[in-house]
Amino acid sequence: MARCPYLDYESRGALFSQGDYYCKLCGKYLSEIETKEKCNKDYDDEYKKCSVYKNS
């Protein structure tokens, strides 16, 4: 799995499945769709195309 090294998962509930992804570079919580499309794909290094990642 190609996951951005600046992506964190923060648990926010009693269940481990409740939580949000947090981008350490842009300082924002990301939706599950954004995360799957760019930051945490099953293949390829899509996160390297992210403008925030490129400029870090």
N, C-alpha and C. Protein backbone atom coordinates (compact mmCIF):
# COMPACT_ATOMS: atom_id res chain seq x y z
N MET A 1 0.84 -1.18 0.00
CA MET A 1 0.00 0.00 0.00
C MET A 1 0.88 1.24 0.00
N ALA A 2 0.54 2.19 -0.84
CA ALA A 2 1.30 3.43 -0.94
C ALA A 2 0.63 4.51 -0.10
N ARG A 3 1.17 4.73 1.07
CA ARG A 3 0.56 5.69 1.99
C ARG A 3 1.51 6.86 2.21
N CYS A 4 0.95 8.06 2.18
CA CYS A 4 1.75 9.25 2.42
C CYS A 4 2.33 9.19 3.84
N PRO A 5 3.61 9.46 4.00
CA PRO A 5 4.22 9.40 5.33
C PRO A 5 3.73 10.51 6.27
N TYR A 6 3.05 11.51 5.74
CA TYR A 6 2.54 12.61 6.57
C TYR A 6 1.07 12.44 6.93
N LEU A 7 0.52 11.26 6.68
CA LEU A 7 -0.87 10.98 6.98
C LEU A 7 -0.97 10.24 8.31
N ASP A 8 -1.77 10.76 9.21
CA ASP A 8 -2.00 10.13 10.51
C ASP A 8 -3.46 9.75 10.63
N TYR A 9 -3.71 8.74 11.44
CA TYR A 9 -5.09 8.36 11.75
C TYR A 9 -5.33 8.64 13.21
N GLU A 10 -6.36 9.40 13.50
CA GLU A 10 -6.66 9.75 14.89
C GLU A 10 -8.00 9.14 15.27
N SER A 11 -7.97 8.27 16.25
CA SER A 11 -9.17 7.66 16.76
C SER A 11 -9.97 8.68 17.54
N ARG A 12 -11.30 8.72 17.31
CA ARG A 12 -12.13 9.73 17.94
C ARG A 12 -13.34 9.15 18.65
N GLY A 13 -13.35 7.88 18.88
CA GLY A 13 -14.51 7.30 19.54
C GLY A 13 -14.15 6.08 20.33
N ALA A 14 -15.16 5.49 20.93
CA ALA A 14 -14.95 4.29 21.75
C ALA A 14 -14.53 3.11 20.88
N LEU A 15 -15.00 3.10 19.65
CA LEU A 15 -14.64 2.02 18.74
C LEU A 15 -13.42 2.42 17.92
N PHE A 16 -12.56 1.47 17.67
CA PHE A 16 -11.33 1.79 16.92
C PHE A 16 -11.62 2.20 15.48
N SER A 17 -12.78 1.81 14.98
CA SER A 17 -13.09 2.14 13.59
C SER A 17 -13.58 3.58 13.43
N GLN A 18 -13.78 4.28 14.53
CA GLN A 18 -14.23 5.67 14.45
C GLN A 18 -13.02 6.60 14.53
N GLY A 19 -12.84 7.38 13.50
CA GLY A 19 -11.70 8.29 13.51
C GLY A 19 -11.60 9.06 12.22
N ASP A 20 -10.57 9.86 12.14
CA ASP A 20 -10.34 10.70 10.97
C ASP A 20 -8.88 10.63 10.57
N TYR A 21 -8.66 10.88 9.29
CA TYR A 21 -7.29 10.99 8.80
C TYR A 21 -6.88 12.45 8.89
N TYR A 22 -5.64 12.67 9.28
CA TYR A 22 -5.12 14.02 9.48
C TYR A 22 -3.83 14.18 8.68
N CYS A 23 -3.77 15.24 7.87
CA CYS A 23 -2.57 15.55 7.09
C CYS A 23 -1.67 16.45 7.92
N LYS A 24 -0.48 15.96 8.25
CA LYS A 24 0.46 16.76 9.05
C LYS A 24 1.04 17.93 8.26
N LEU A 25 1.03 17.85 6.94
CA LEU A 25 1.59 18.93 6.12
C LEU A 25 0.64 20.11 6.00
N CYS A 26 -0.62 19.84 5.74
CA CYS A 26 -1.56 20.95 5.55
C CYS A 26 -2.33 21.27 6.82
N GLY A 27 -2.24 20.42 7.84
CA GLY A 27 -2.90 20.69 9.10
C GLY A 27 -4.40 20.55 9.06
N LYS A 28 -4.92 19.67 8.18
CA LYS A 28 -6.36 19.51 8.02
C LYS A 28 -6.76 18.05 8.18
N TYR A 29 -8.00 17.87 8.62
CA TYR A 29 -8.59 16.55 8.61
C TYR A 29 -9.14 16.30 7.23
N LEU A 30 -8.95 15.10 6.73
CA LEU A 30 -9.36 14.77 5.37
C LEU A 30 -10.53 13.81 5.38
N SER A 31 -11.38 13.94 4.38
CA SER A 31 -12.50 13.01 4.25
C SER A 31 -11.94 11.65 3.81
N GLU A 32 -12.75 10.64 4.01
CA GLU A 32 -12.33 9.29 3.62
C GLU A 32 -12.11 9.20 2.11
N ILE A 33 -12.91 9.93 1.35
CA ILE A 33 -12.78 9.93 -0.11
C ILE A 33 -11.45 10.56 -0.53
N GLU A 34 -11.12 11.72 0.05
CA GLU A 34 -9.84 12.38 -0.26
C GLU A 34 -8.67 11.45 0.09
N THR A 35 -8.77 10.82 1.22
CA THR A 35 -7.71 9.95 1.70
C THR A 35 -7.50 8.78 0.75
N LYS A 36 -8.59 8.14 0.35
CA LYS A 36 -8.48 6.98 -0.54
C LYS A 36 -8.00 7.35 -1.93
N GLU A 37 -8.39 8.53 -2.42
CA GLU A 37 -8.02 8.94 -3.77
C GLU A 37 -6.57 9.41 -3.89
N LYS A 38 -6.03 9.99 -2.83
CA LYS A 38 -4.73 10.62 -2.95
C LYS A 38 -3.69 10.11 -1.96
N CYS A 39 -4.05 9.97 -0.71
CA CYS A 39 -3.05 9.76 0.35
C CYS A 39 -2.78 8.31 0.72
N ASN A 40 -3.74 7.45 0.49
CA ASN A 40 -3.62 6.07 1.00
C ASN A 40 -4.22 5.08 0.01
N LYS A 41 -3.62 4.99 -1.16
CA LYS A 41 -4.14 4.10 -2.20
C LYS A 41 -3.55 2.71 -2.08
N ASP A 42 -4.24 1.76 -2.69
CA ASP A 42 -3.77 0.38 -2.67
C ASP A 42 -2.63 0.15 -3.66
N TYR A 43 -2.38 1.09 -4.54
CA TYR A 43 -1.34 0.96 -5.56
C TYR A 43 -0.82 2.34 -5.93
N ASP A 44 0.31 2.40 -6.56
CA ASP A 44 0.91 3.64 -7.06
C ASP A 44 1.25 4.60 -5.92
N ASP A 45 1.98 5.64 -6.22
CA ASP A 45 2.38 6.66 -5.24
C ASP A 45 1.67 7.96 -5.57
N GLU A 46 0.35 7.93 -5.56
CA GLU A 46 -0.47 9.08 -5.92
C GLU A 46 -0.18 10.29 -5.03
N TYR A 47 0.17 10.03 -3.77
CA TYR A 47 0.41 11.14 -2.84
C TYR A 47 1.58 12.02 -3.28
N LYS A 48 2.49 11.49 -4.10
CA LYS A 48 3.63 12.29 -4.56
C LYS A 48 3.21 13.39 -5.54
N LYS A 49 1.98 13.27 -6.09
CA LYS A 49 1.46 14.29 -7.00
C LYS A 49 0.80 15.44 -6.24
N CYS A 50 0.60 15.28 -4.95
CA CYS A 50 -0.06 16.30 -4.12
C CYS A 50 0.82 17.54 -4.06
N SER A 51 0.24 18.71 -4.32
CA SER A 51 1.03 19.94 -4.34
C SER A 51 1.61 20.26 -2.97
N VAL A 52 0.91 19.95 -1.91
CA VAL A 52 1.42 20.21 -0.56
C VAL A 52 2.63 19.32 -0.27
N TYR A 53 2.55 18.06 -0.70
CA TYR A 53 3.67 17.12 -0.51
C TYR A 53 4.88 17.57 -1.33
N LYS A 54 4.65 17.98 -2.57
CA LYS A 54 5.75 18.40 -3.44
C LYS A 54 6.51 19.60 -2.88
N ASN A 55 5.79 20.50 -2.24
CA ASN A 55 6.40 21.74 -1.73
C ASN A 55 6.93 21.62 -0.31
N SER A 56 6.88 20.44 0.25
CA SER A 56 7.36 20.27 1.65
C SER A 56 8.85 20.03 1.69
